[in-house]
């Protein structure tokens, strides 16, 4: 019984850590979008790079959310 409770605590700890990572990535996305909107003199290559970074961070948030949801569904 102790082992099962420990596994449950481990999943909860991992889920909290993933939430923190997701929040950091969301802050990065907001910062990149704000930077892109405030700087009008960006070269097209820089604009493309910022868009790629923003899209990659957004996609990673979705992947982590799916993994975190899977942690919550596993039997306790």
C-alpha atoms as a PDB file:
ATOM      1  CA  UNK A   1       0.000   0.000   0.000  1.00  0.00           C
ATOM      2  CA  UNK A   2       2.871   2.353   0.752  1.00  0.00           C
ATOM      3  CA  UNK A   3       4.295   1.814  -2.712  1.00  0.00           C
ATOM      4  CA  UNK A   4       1.027   2.770  -4.410  1.00  0.00           C
ATOM      5  CA  UNK A   5       0.776   5.969  -2.399  1.00  0.00           C
ATOM      6  CA  UNK A   6       4.353   6.864  -3.285  1.00  0.00           C
ATOM      7  CA  UNK A   7       3.622   6.373  -6.994  1.00  0.00           C
ATOM      8  CA  UNK A   8       0.621   8.630  -6.697  1.00  0.00           C
ATOM      9  CA  UNK A   9       2.733  11.328  -5.025  1.00  0.00           C
ATOM     10  CA  UNK A  10       5.346  10.984  -7.768  1.00  0.00           C
ATOM     11  CA  UNK A  11       2.732  11.527 -10.488  1.00  0.00           C
ATOM     12  CA  UNK A  12       1.383  14.577  -8.679  1.00  0.00           C
ATOM     13  CA  UNK A  13       4.886  15.998  -8.343  1.00  0.00           C
ATOM     14  CA  UNK A  14       5.555  15.447 -12.048  1.00  0.00           C
ATOM     15  CA  UNK A  15       2.223  17.053 -12.960  1.00  0.00           C
ATOM     16  CA  UNK A  16       3.100  20.141 -10.885  1.00  0.00           C
ATOM     17  CA  UNK A  17       6.527  20.370 -12.520  1.00  0.00           C
ATOM     18  CA  UNK A  18       4.959  20.126 -15.970  1.00  0.00           C
ATOM     19  CA  UNK A  19       2.526  22.919 -15.093  1.00  0.00           C
ATOM     20  CA  UNK A  20       5.462  25.142 -14.149  1.00  0.00           C
ATOM     21  CA  UNK A  21       7.221  24.358 -17.424  1.00  0.00           C
ATOM     22  CA  UNK A  22       4.019  25.093 -19.332  1.00  0.00           C
ATOM     23  CA  UNK A  23       3.664  28.416 -17.547  1.00  0.00           C
ATOM     24  CA  UNK A  24       7.260  29.325 -18.433  1.00  0.00           C
ATOM     25  CA  UNK A  25       6.663  28.431 -22.082  1.00  0.00           C
ATOM     26  CA  UNK A  26       3.467  30.477 -22.106  1.00  0.00           C
ATOM     27  CA  UNK A  27       5.386  33.459 -20.729  1.00  0.00           C
ATOM     28  CA  UNK A  28       7.951  32.932 -23.504  1.00  0.00           C
ATOM     29  CA  UNK A  29       5.196  32.914 -26.145  1.00  0.00           C
ATOM     30  CA  UNK A  30       3.686  36.121 -24.740  1.00  0.00           C
ATOM     31  CA  UNK A  31       7.118  37.758 -24.642  1.00  0.00           C
ATOM     32  CA  UNK A  32       7.920  36.749 -28.225  1.00  0.00           C
ATOM     33  CA  UNK A  33       4.588  38.027 -29.504  1.00  0.00           C
ATOM     34  CA  UNK A  34       5.028  41.306 -27.626  1.00  0.00           C
ATOM     35  CA  UNK A  35       8.549  41.687 -29.014  1.00  0.00           C
ATOM     36  CA  UNK A  36       7.329  40.995 -32.521  1.00  0.00           C
ATOM     37  CA  UNK A  37       4.502  43.526 -32.234  1.00  0.00           C
ATOM     38  CA  UNK A  38       6.644  46.312 -30.779  1.00  0.00           C
ATOM     39  CA  UNK A  39       9.524  46.063 -33.268  1.00  0.00           C
ATOM     40  CA  UNK A  40       8.505  47.152 -36.739  1.00  0.00           C
ATOM     41  CA  UNK A  41      12.027  47.203 -38.177  1.00  0.00           C
ATOM     42  CA  UNK A  42      12.676  43.455 -38.100  1.00  0.00           C
ATOM     43  CA  UNK A  43      14.201  41.770 -41.128  1.00  0.00           C
ATOM     44  CA  UNK A  44      12.043  39.112 -42.783  1.00  0.00           C
ATOM     45  CA  UNK A  45      14.439  36.388 -41.629  1.00  0.00           C
ATOM     46  CA  UNK A  46      14.174  37.593 -38.022  1.00  0.00           C
ATOM     47  CA  UNK A  47      10.404  37.721 -38.260  1.00  0.00           C
ATOM     48  CA  UNK A  48      10.323  34.160 -39.570  1.00  0.00           C
ATOM     49  CA  UNK A  49      12.598  32.977 -36.774  1.00  0.00           C
ATOM     50  CA  UNK A  50      10.398  34.624 -34.133  1.00  0.00           C
ATOM     51  CA  UNK A  51       7.305  33.070 -35.666  1.00  0.00           C
ATOM     52  CA  UNK A  52       8.963  29.647 -35.668  1.00  0.00           C
ATOM     53  CA  UNK A  53      10.017  29.958 -32.029  1.00  0.00           C
ATOM     54  CA  UNK A  54       6.524  31.071 -31.038  1.00  0.00           C
ATOM     55  CA  UNK A  55       4.889  28.216 -32.923  1.00  0.00           C
ATOM     56  CA  UNK A  56       7.316  25.641 -31.504  1.00  0.00           C
ATOM     57  CA  UNK A  57       6.724  26.842 -27.937  1.00  0.00           C
ATOM     58  CA  UNK A  58       2.958  26.750 -28.464  1.00  0.00           C
ATOM     59  CA  UNK A  59       3.148  23.229 -29.848  1.00  0.00           C
ATOM     60  CA  UNK A  60       5.301  22.108 -26.934  1.00  0.00           C
ATOM     61  CA  UNK A  61       2.727  23.490 -24.482  1.00  0.00           C
ATOM     62  CA  UNK A  62       0.089  21.292 -26.136  1.00  0.00           C
ATOM     63  CA  UNK A  63       2.301  18.208 -26.061  1.00  0.00           C
ATOM     64  CA  UNK A  64       3.107  18.712 -22.380  1.00  0.00           C
ATOM     65  CA  UNK A  65      -0.572  19.224 -21.561  1.00  0.00           C
ATOM     66  CA  UNK A  66      -1.445  15.953 -23.246  1.00  0.00           C
ATOM     67  CA  UNK A  67       1.291  14.154 -21.290  1.00  0.00           C
ATOM     68  CA  UNK A  68       0.160  15.780 -18.027  1.00  0.00           C
ATOM     69  CA  UNK A  69      -3.444  14.739 -18.693  1.00  0.00           C
ATOM     70  CA  UNK A  70      -2.219  11.191 -19.270  1.00  0.00           C
ATOM     71  CA  UNK A  71      -0.520  11.248 -15.872  1.00  0.00           C
ATOM     72  CA  UNK A  72      -3.811  12.222 -14.256  1.00  0.00           C
ATOM     73  CA  UNK A  73      -5.737   9.393 -15.974  1.00  0.00           C
ATOM     74  CA  UNK A  74      -3.446   6.594 -14.859  1.00  0.00           C
ATOM     75  CA  UNK A  75      -4.816   4.421 -12.084  1.00  0.00           C
ATOM     76  CA  UNK A  76      -3.880   5.419  -8.575  1.00  0.00           C
END
